[in-house]
Amino acid sequence: TYGAGGLLDYPHYTRPAEFMGVSIPEALSG
């Protein structure tokens, strides 16, 4: 899951799952 393979890193999120009306991507919550 974590391999960057020479690319830039993907975005990261932490708790809470919703902040100022913006939720984490659905793929990360399932």
PDB file of all heavy atoms in Angstrom:
ATOM      1  N   THR A   1       0.829  -1.203   0.000  1.00  0.00           N
ATOM      2  CA  THR A   1       0.000   0.000   0.000  1.00  0.00           C
ATOM      3  C   THR A   1       0.866   1.256   0.000  1.00  0.00           C
ATOM      4  O   THR A   1       0.512   2.272  -0.559  1.00  0.00           O
ATOM      5  CB  THR A   1      -0.899   0.024   1.256  1.00  0.00           C
ATOM      6  OG1 THR A   1      -1.803  -1.063   1.184  1.00  0.00           O
ATOM      7  CG2 THR A   1      -1.693   1.310   1.345  1.00  0.00           C
ATOM      8  N   TYR A   2       2.041   1.186   0.645  1.00  0.00           N
ATOM      9  CA  TYR A   2       2.808   2.392   0.887  1.00  0.00           C
ATOM     10  C   TYR A   2       3.877   2.682  -0.164  1.00  0.00           C
ATOM     11  O   TYR A   2       4.503   3.720  -0.124  1.00  0.00           O
ATOM     12  CB  TYR A   2       3.512   2.281   2.250  1.00  0.00           C
ATOM     13  CG  TYR A   2       2.560   2.133   3.398  1.00  0.00           C
ATOM     14  CD1 TYR A   2       2.245   0.865   3.891  1.00  0.00           C
ATOM     15  CD2 TYR A   2       1.977   3.233   3.993  1.00  0.00           C
ATOM     16  CE1 TYR A   2       1.370   0.720   4.958  1.00  0.00           C
ATOM     17  CE2 TYR A   2       1.104   3.084   5.060  1.00  0.00           C
ATOM     18  CZ  TYR A   2       0.807   1.831   5.531  1.00  0.00           C
ATOM     19  OH  TYR A   2      -0.056   1.693   6.585  1.00  0.00           O
ATOM     20  N   GLY A   3       4.111   1.746  -1.096  1.00  0.00           N
ATOM     21  CA  GLY A   3       5.207   1.932  -2.029  1.00  0.00           C
ATOM     22  C   GLY A   3       5.026   3.146  -2.915  1.00  0.00           C
ATOM     23  O   GLY A   3       4.040   3.252  -3.632  1.00  0.00           O
ATOM     24  N   ALA A   4       5.982   4.070  -2.902  1.00  0.00           N
ATOM     25  CA  ALA A   4       5.892   5.270  -3.728  1.00  0.00           C
ATOM     26  C   ALA A   4       6.396   5.001  -5.137  1.00  0.00           C
ATOM     27  O   ALA A   4       5.959   5.622  -6.088  1.00  0.00           O
ATOM     28  CB  ALA A   4       6.690   6.415  -3.087  1.00  0.00           C
ATOM     29  N   GLY A   5       7.362   4.083  -5.262  1.00  0.00           N
ATOM     30  CA  GLY A   5       7.860   3.724  -6.578  1.00  0.00           C
ATOM     31  C   GLY A   5       8.448   4.886  -7.345  1.00  0.00           C
ATOM     32  O   GLY A   5       8.393   4.924  -8.570  1.00  0.00           O
ATOM     33  N   GLY A   6       9.047   5.862  -6.665  1.00  0.00           N
ATOM     34  CA  GLY A   6       9.651   7.002  -7.331  1.00  0.00           C
ATOM     35  C   GLY A   6       8.703   8.162  -7.574  1.00  0.00           C
ATOM     36  O   GLY A   6       9.114   9.207  -8.069  1.00  0.00           O
ATOM     37  N   LEU A   7       7.420   7.982  -7.252  1.00  0.00           N
ATOM     38  CA  LEU A   7       6.444   9.062  -7.397  1.00  0.00           C
ATOM     39  C   LEU A   7       6.451   9.946  -6.151  1.00  0.00           C
ATOM     40  O   LEU A   7       7.070   9.619  -5.142  1.00  0.00           O
ATOM     41  CB  LEU A   7       5.037   8.481  -7.574  1.00  0.00           C
ATOM     42  CG  LEU A   7       4.789   7.559  -8.770  1.00  0.00           C
ATOM     43  CD1 LEU A   7       3.392   6.961  -8.678  1.00  0.00           C
ATOM     44  CD2 LEU A   7       4.958   8.316 -10.067  1.00  0.00           C
ATOM     45  N   LEU A   8       5.740  11.063  -6.234  1.00  0.00           N
ATOM     46  CA  LEU A   8       5.474  11.835  -5.030  1.00  0.00           C
ATOM     47  C   LEU A   8       4.521  11.041  -4.146  1.00  0.00           C
ATOM     48  O   LEU A   8       3.764  10.186  -4.622  1.00  0.00           O
ATOM     49  CB  LEU A   8       4.844  13.187  -5.378  1.00  0.00           C
ATOM     50  CG  LEU A   8       5.681  14.130  -6.232  1.00  0.00           C
ATOM     51  CD1 LEU A   8       4.967  15.456  -6.396  1.00  0.00           C
ATOM     52  CD2 LEU A   8       7.070  14.343  -5.647  1.00  0.00           C
ATOM     53  N   ASP A   9       4.553  11.314  -2.871  1.00  0.00           N
ATOM     54  CA  ASP A   9       3.705  10.596  -1.929  1.00  0.00           C
ATOM     55  C   ASP A   9       2.245  10.968  -2.149  1.00  0.00           C
ATOM     56  O   ASP A   9       1.922  12.054  -2.624  1.00  0.00           O
ATOM     57  CB  ASP A   9       4.117  10.948  -0.500  1.00  0.00           C
ATOM     58  CG  ASP A   9       3.694   9.898   0.511  1.00  0.00           C
ATOM     59  OD1 ASP A   9       3.126   8.872   0.100  1.00  0.00           O
ATOM     60  OD2 ASP A   9       3.931  10.132   1.712  1.00  0.00           O
ATOM     61  N   TYR A  10       1.369  10.041  -1.770  1.00  0.00           N
ATOM     62  CA  TYR A  10      -0.068  10.301  -1.848  1.00  0.00           C
ATOM     63  C   TYR A  10      -0.501  11.174  -0.660  1.00  0.00           C
ATOM     64  O   TYR A  10       0.213  11.303   0.325  1.00  0.00           O
ATOM     65  CB  TYR A  10      -0.842   8.974  -1.835  1.00  0.00           C
ATOM     66  CG  TYR A  10      -0.389   8.023  -0.746  1.00  0.00           C
ATOM     67  CD1 TYR A  10      -0.764   8.210   0.575  1.00  0.00           C
ATOM     68  CD2 TYR A  10       0.447   6.952  -1.044  1.00  0.00           C
ATOM     69  CE1 TYR A  10      -0.339   7.367   1.578  1.00  0.00           C
ATOM     70  CE2 TYR A  10       0.883   6.089  -0.039  1.00  0.00           C
ATOM     71  CZ  TYR A  10       0.487   6.297   1.261  1.00  0.00           C
ATOM     72  OH  TYR A  10       0.923   5.462   2.248  1.00  0.00           O
ATOM     73  N   PRO A  11      -1.710  11.776  -0.710  1.00  0.00           N
ATOM     74  CA  PRO A  11      -2.192  12.590   0.413  1.00  0.00           C
ATOM     75  C   PRO A  11      -2.451  11.741   1.655  1.00  0.00           C
ATOM     76  O   PRO A  11      -2.794  10.560   1.548  1.00  0.00           O
ATOM     77  CB  PRO A  11      -3.512  13.177  -0.116  1.00  0.00           C
ATOM     78  CG  PRO A  11      -3.424  13.073  -1.595  1.00  0.00           C
ATOM     79  CD  PRO A  11      -2.608  11.847  -1.865  1.00  0.00           C
ATOM     80  N   HIS A  12      -2.299  12.350   2.809  1.00  0.00           N
ATOM     81  CA  HIS A  12      -2.525  11.667   4.081  1.00  0.00           C
ATOM     82  C   HIS A  12      -3.634  12.367   4.864  1.00  0.00           C
ATOM     83  O   HIS A  12      -3.789  13.588   4.778  1.00  0.00           O
ATOM     84  CB  HIS A  12      -1.245  11.650   4.919  1.00  0.00           C
ATOM     85  CG  HIS A  12      -0.141  10.858   4.298  1.00  0.00           C
ATOM     86  ND1 HIS A  12       0.066   9.532   4.574  1.00  0.00           N
ATOM     87  CD2 HIS A  12       0.813  11.213   3.397  1.00  0.00           C
ATOM     88  CE1 HIS A  12       1.108   9.101   3.879  1.00  0.00           C
ATOM     89  NE2 HIS A  12       1.575  10.099   3.148  1.00  0.00           N
ATOM     90  N   TYR A  13      -4.383  11.581   5.629  1.00  0.00           N
ATOM     91  CA  TYR A  13      -5.464  12.116   6.463  1.00  0.00           C
ATOM     92  C   TYR A  13      -5.384  11.481   7.846  1.00  0.00           C
ATOM     93  O   TYR A  13      -4.898  10.362   8.002  1.00  0.00           O
ATOM     94  CB  TYR A  13      -6.831  11.793   5.849  1.00  0.00           C
ATOM     95  CG  TYR A  13      -7.055  12.396   4.486  1.00  0.00           C
ATOM     96  CD1 TYR A  13      -6.617  11.746   3.339  1.00  0.00           C
ATOM     97  CD2 TYR A  13      -7.712  13.621   4.349  1.00  0.00           C
ATOM     98  CE1 TYR A  13      -6.827  12.294   2.079  1.00  0.00           C
ATOM     99  CE2 TYR A  13      -7.927  14.173   3.089  1.00  0.00           C
ATOM    100  CZ  TYR A  13      -7.483  13.504   1.962  1.00  0.00           C
ATOM    101  OH  TYR A  13      -7.680  14.048   0.715  1.00  0.00           O
ATOM    102  N   THR A  14      -5.865  12.188   8.845  1.00  0.00           N
ATOM    103  CA  THR A  14      -5.952  11.626  10.188  1.00  0.00           C
ATOM    104  C   THR A  14      -7.273  12.069  10.816  1.00  0.00           C
ATOM    105  O   THR A  14      -8.079  12.761  10.189  1.00  0.00           O
ATOM    106  CB  THR A  14      -4.749  12.061  11.055  1.00  0.00           C
ATOM    107  OG1 THR A  14      -4.785  11.332  12.282  1.00  0.00           O
ATOM    108  CG2 THR A  14      -4.774  13.550  11.350  1.00  0.00           C
ATOM    109  N   ARG A  15      -7.525  11.681  12.028  1.00  0.00           N
ATOM    110  CA  ARG A  15      -8.779  11.978  12.703  1.00  0.00           C
ATOM    111  C   ARG A  15      -8.879  13.458  13.077  1.00  0.00           C
ATOM    112  O   ARG A  15      -7.854  14.076  13.340  1.00  0.00           O
ATOM    113  CB  ARG A  15      -8.913  11.080  13.936  1.00  0.00           C
ATOM    114  CG  ARG A  15      -9.097   9.614  13.552  1.00  0.00           C
ATOM    115  CD  ARG A  15      -8.795   8.672  14.709  1.00  0.00           C
ATOM    116  NE  ARG A  15      -8.957   7.289  14.303  1.00  0.00           N
ATOM    117  CZ  ARG A  15      -8.071   6.614  13.567  1.00  0.00           C
ATOM    118  NH1 ARG A  15      -6.961   7.215  13.166  1.00  0.00           N
ATOM    119  NH2 ARG A  15      -8.302   5.356  13.221  1.00  0.00           N
ATOM    120  N   PRO A  16     -10.083  14.036  13.023  1.00  0.00           N
ATOM    121  CA  PRO A  16     -11.394  13.404  12.802  1.00  0.00           C
ATOM    122  C   PRO A  16     -11.647  13.107  11.327  1.00  0.00           C
ATOM    123  O   PRO A  16     -11.012  13.697  10.450  1.00  0.00           O
ATOM    124  CB  PRO A  16     -12.383  14.448  13.316  1.00  0.00           C
ATOM    125  CG  PRO A  16     -11.685  15.741  13.063  1.00  0.00           C
ATOM    126  CD  PRO A  16     -10.225  15.477  13.316  1.00  0.00           C
ATOM    127  N   ALA A  17     -12.596  12.224  11.067  1.00  0.00           N
ATOM    128  CA  ALA A  17     -12.914  11.844   9.699  1.00  0.00           C
ATOM    129  C   ALA A  17     -13.557  12.991   8.922  1.00  0.00           C
ATOM    130  O   ALA A  17     -13.530  12.990   7.693  1.00  0.00           O
ATOM    131  CB  ALA A  17     -13.835  10.624   9.692  1.00  0.00           C
ATOM    132  N   GLU A  18     -14.122  13.966   9.627  1.00  0.00           N
ATOM    133  CA  GLU A  18     -14.683  15.148   8.967  1.00  0.00           C
ATOM    134  C   GLU A  18     -14.158  16.388   9.661  1.00  0.00           C
ATOM    135  O   GLU A  18     -14.144  16.467  10.895  1.00  0.00           O
ATOM    136  CB  GLU A  18     -16.206  15.125   9.019  1.00  0.00           C
ATOM    137  CG  GLU A  18     -16.843  16.322   8.305  1.00  0.00           C
ATOM    138  CD  GLU A  18     -18.352  16.256   8.283  1.00  0.00           C
ATOM    139  OE1 GLU A  18     -18.895  15.143   8.102  1.00  0.00           O
ATOM    140  OE2 GLU A  18     -18.990  17.314   8.462  1.00  0.00           O
ATOM    141  N   PHE A  19     -13.691  17.348   8.864  1.00  0.00           N
ATOM    142  CA  PHE A  19     -13.144  18.582   9.427  1.00  0.00           C
ATOM    143  C   PHE A  19     -13.639  19.756   8.586  1.00  0.00           C
ATOM    144  O   PHE A  19     -13.428  19.804   7.372  1.00  0.00           O
ATOM    145  CB  PHE A  19     -11.613  18.540   9.422  1.00  0.00           C
ATOM    146  CG  PHE A  19     -10.971  19.813   9.894  1.00  0.00           C
ATOM    147  CD1 PHE A  19     -11.046  20.203  11.224  1.00  0.00           C
ATOM    148  CD2 PHE A  19     -10.285  20.637   9.002  1.00  0.00           C
ATOM    149  CE1 PHE A  19     -10.457  21.379  11.652  1.00  0.00           C
ATOM    150  CE2 PHE A  19      -9.694  21.811   9.424  1.00  0.00           C
ATOM    151  CZ  PHE A  19      -9.783  22.182  10.755  1.00  0.00           C
ATOM    152  N   MET A  20     -14.347  20.664   9.248  1.00  0.00           N
ATOM    153  CA  MET A  20     -14.899  21.857   8.604  1.00  0.00           C
ATOM    154  C   MET A  20     -15.708  21.490   7.361  1.00  0.00           C
ATOM    155  O   MET A  20     -15.629  22.148   6.312  1.00  0.00           O
ATOM    156  CB  MET A  20     -13.785  22.843   8.247  1.00  0.00           C
ATOM    157  CG  MET A  20     -13.071  23.406   9.475  1.00  0.00           C
ATOM    158  SD  MET A  20     -11.810  24.640   9.076  1.00  0.00           S
ATOM    159  CE  MET A  20     -12.849  25.967   8.446  1.00  0.00           C
ATOM    160  N   GLY A  21     -16.474  20.426   7.484  1.00  0.00           N
ATOM    161  CA  GLY A  21     -17.352  20.018   6.399  1.00  0.00           C
ATOM    162  C   GLY A  21     -16.694  19.184   5.323  1.00  0.00           C
ATOM    163  O   GLY A  21     -17.348  18.787   4.359  1.00  0.00           O
ATOM    164  N   VAL A  22     -15.398  18.907   5.451  1.00  0.00           N
ATOM    165  CA  VAL A  22     -14.678  18.117   4.453  1.00  0.00           C
ATOM    166  C   VAL A  22     -14.375  16.746   5.043  1.00  0.00           C
ATOM    167  O   VAL A  22     -13.706  16.634   6.085  1.00  0.00           O
ATOM    168  CB  VAL A  22     -13.363  18.802   4.026  1.00  0.00           C
ATOM    169  CG1 VAL A  22     -12.639  17.962   2.984  1.00  0.00           C
ATOM    170  CG2 VAL A  22     -13.644  20.201   3.494  1.00  0.00           C
ATOM    171  N   SER A  23     -14.868  15.693   4.393  1.00  0.00           N
ATOM    172  CA  SER A  23     -14.667  14.326   4.870  1.00  0.00           C
ATOM    173  C   SER A  23     -13.467  13.681   4.204  1.00  0.00           C
ATOM    174  O   SER A  23     -13.027  14.096   3.116  1.00  0.00           O
ATOM    175  CB  SER A  23     -15.917  13.481   4.575  1.00  0.00           C
ATOM    176  OG  SER A  23     -17.049  14.003   5.227  1.00  0.00           O
ATOM    177  N   ILE A  24     -12.934  12.647   4.836  1.00  0.00           N
ATOM    178  CA  ILE A  24     -11.847  11.891   4.232  1.00  0.00           C
ATOM    179  C   ILE A  24     -12.386  11.126   3.019  1.00  0.00           C
ATOM    180  O   ILE A  24     -13.593  10.858   2.933  1.00  0.00           O
ATOM    181  CB  ILE A  24     -11.209  10.913   5.232  1.00  0.00           C
ATOM    182  CG1 ILE A  24     -12.214   9.830   5.649  1.00  0.00           C
ATOM    183  CG2 ILE A  24     -10.663  11.646   6.443  1.00  0.00           C
ATOM    184  CD1 ILE A  24     -11.597   8.706   6.446  1.00  0.00           C
ATOM    185  N   PRO A  25     -11.544  10.769   2.063  1.00  0.00           N
ATOM    186  CA  PRO A  25     -11.998   9.993   0.912  1.00  0.00           C
ATOM    187  C   PRO A  25     -12.638   8.674   1.343  1.00  0.00           C
ATOM    188  O   PRO A  25     -12.177   8.026   2.287  1.00  0.00           O
ATOM    189  CB  PRO A  25     -10.713   9.747   0.114  1.00  0.00           C
ATOM    190  CG  PRO A  25      -9.832  10.885   0.494  1.00  0.00           C
ATOM    191  CD  PRO A  25     -10.123  11.159   1.934  1.00  0.00           C
ATOM    192  N   GLU A  26     -13.689   8.299   0.653  1.00  0.00           N
ATOM    193  CA  GLU A  26     -14.438   7.097   1.010  1.00  0.00           C
ATOM    194  C   GLU A  26     -13.574   5.853   0.996  1.00  0.00           C
ATOM    195  O   GLU A  26     -13.749   4.949   1.825  1.00  0.00           O
ATOM    196  CB  GLU A  26     -15.618   6.933   0.041  1.00  0.00           C
ATOM    197  CG  GLU A  26     -16.538   5.775   0.367  1.00  0.00           C
ATOM    198  CD  GLU A  26     -17.710   5.677  -0.576  1.00  0.00           C
ATOM    199  OE1 GLU A  26     -17.915   6.628  -1.371  1.00  0.00           O
ATOM    200  OE2 GLU A  26     -18.412   4.657  -0.542  1.00  0.00           O
ATOM    201  N   ALA A  27     -12.622   5.774   0.085  1.00  0.00           N
ATOM    202  CA  ALA A  27     -11.781   4.587  -0.037  1.00  0.00           C
ATOM    203  C   ALA A  27     -10.992   4.298   1.234  1.00  0.00           C
ATOM    204  O   ALA A  27     -10.644   3.149   1.519  1.00  0.00           O
ATOM    205  CB  ALA A  27     -10.821   4.736  -1.216  1.00  0.00           C
ATOM    206  N   LEU A  28     -10.700   5.341   2.022  1.00  0.00           N
ATOM    207  CA  LEU A  28      -9.881   5.161   3.214  1.00  0.00           C
ATOM    208  C   LEU A  28     -10.686   4.751   4.434  1.00  0.00           C
ATOM    209  O   LEU A  28     -10.109   4.394   5.460  1.00  0.00           O
ATOM    210  CB  LEU A  28      -9.133   6.462   3.528  1.00  0.00           C
ATOM    211  CG  LEU A  28      -8.190   6.987   2.448  1.00  0.00           C
ATOM    212  CD1 LEU A  28      -7.499   8.255   2.926  1.00  0.00           C
ATOM    213  CD2 LEU A  28      -7.163   5.934   2.049  1.00  0.00           C
ATOM    214  N   SER A  29     -11.991   4.788   4.334  1.00  0.00           N
ATOM    215  CA  SER A  29     -12.822   4.528   5.506  1.00  0.00           C
ATOM    216  C   SER A  29     -13.414   3.121   5.538  1.00  0.00           C
ATOM    217  O   SER A  29     -13.981   2.712   6.549  1.00  0.00           O
ATOM    218  CB  SER A  29     -13.963   5.557   5.578  1.00  0.00           C
ATOM    219  OG  SER A  29     -14.799   5.449   4.431  1.00  0.00           O
ATOM    220  N   GLY A  30     -13.262   2.371   4.450  1.00  0.00           N
ATOM    221  CA  GLY A  30     -13.936   1.077   4.377  1.00  0.00           C
ATOM    222  C   GLY A  30     -13.128  -0.110   4.840  1.00  0.00           C
ATOM    223  O   GLY A  30     -13.679  -1.190   5.049  1.00  0.00           O
TER     224      GLY A  30
END
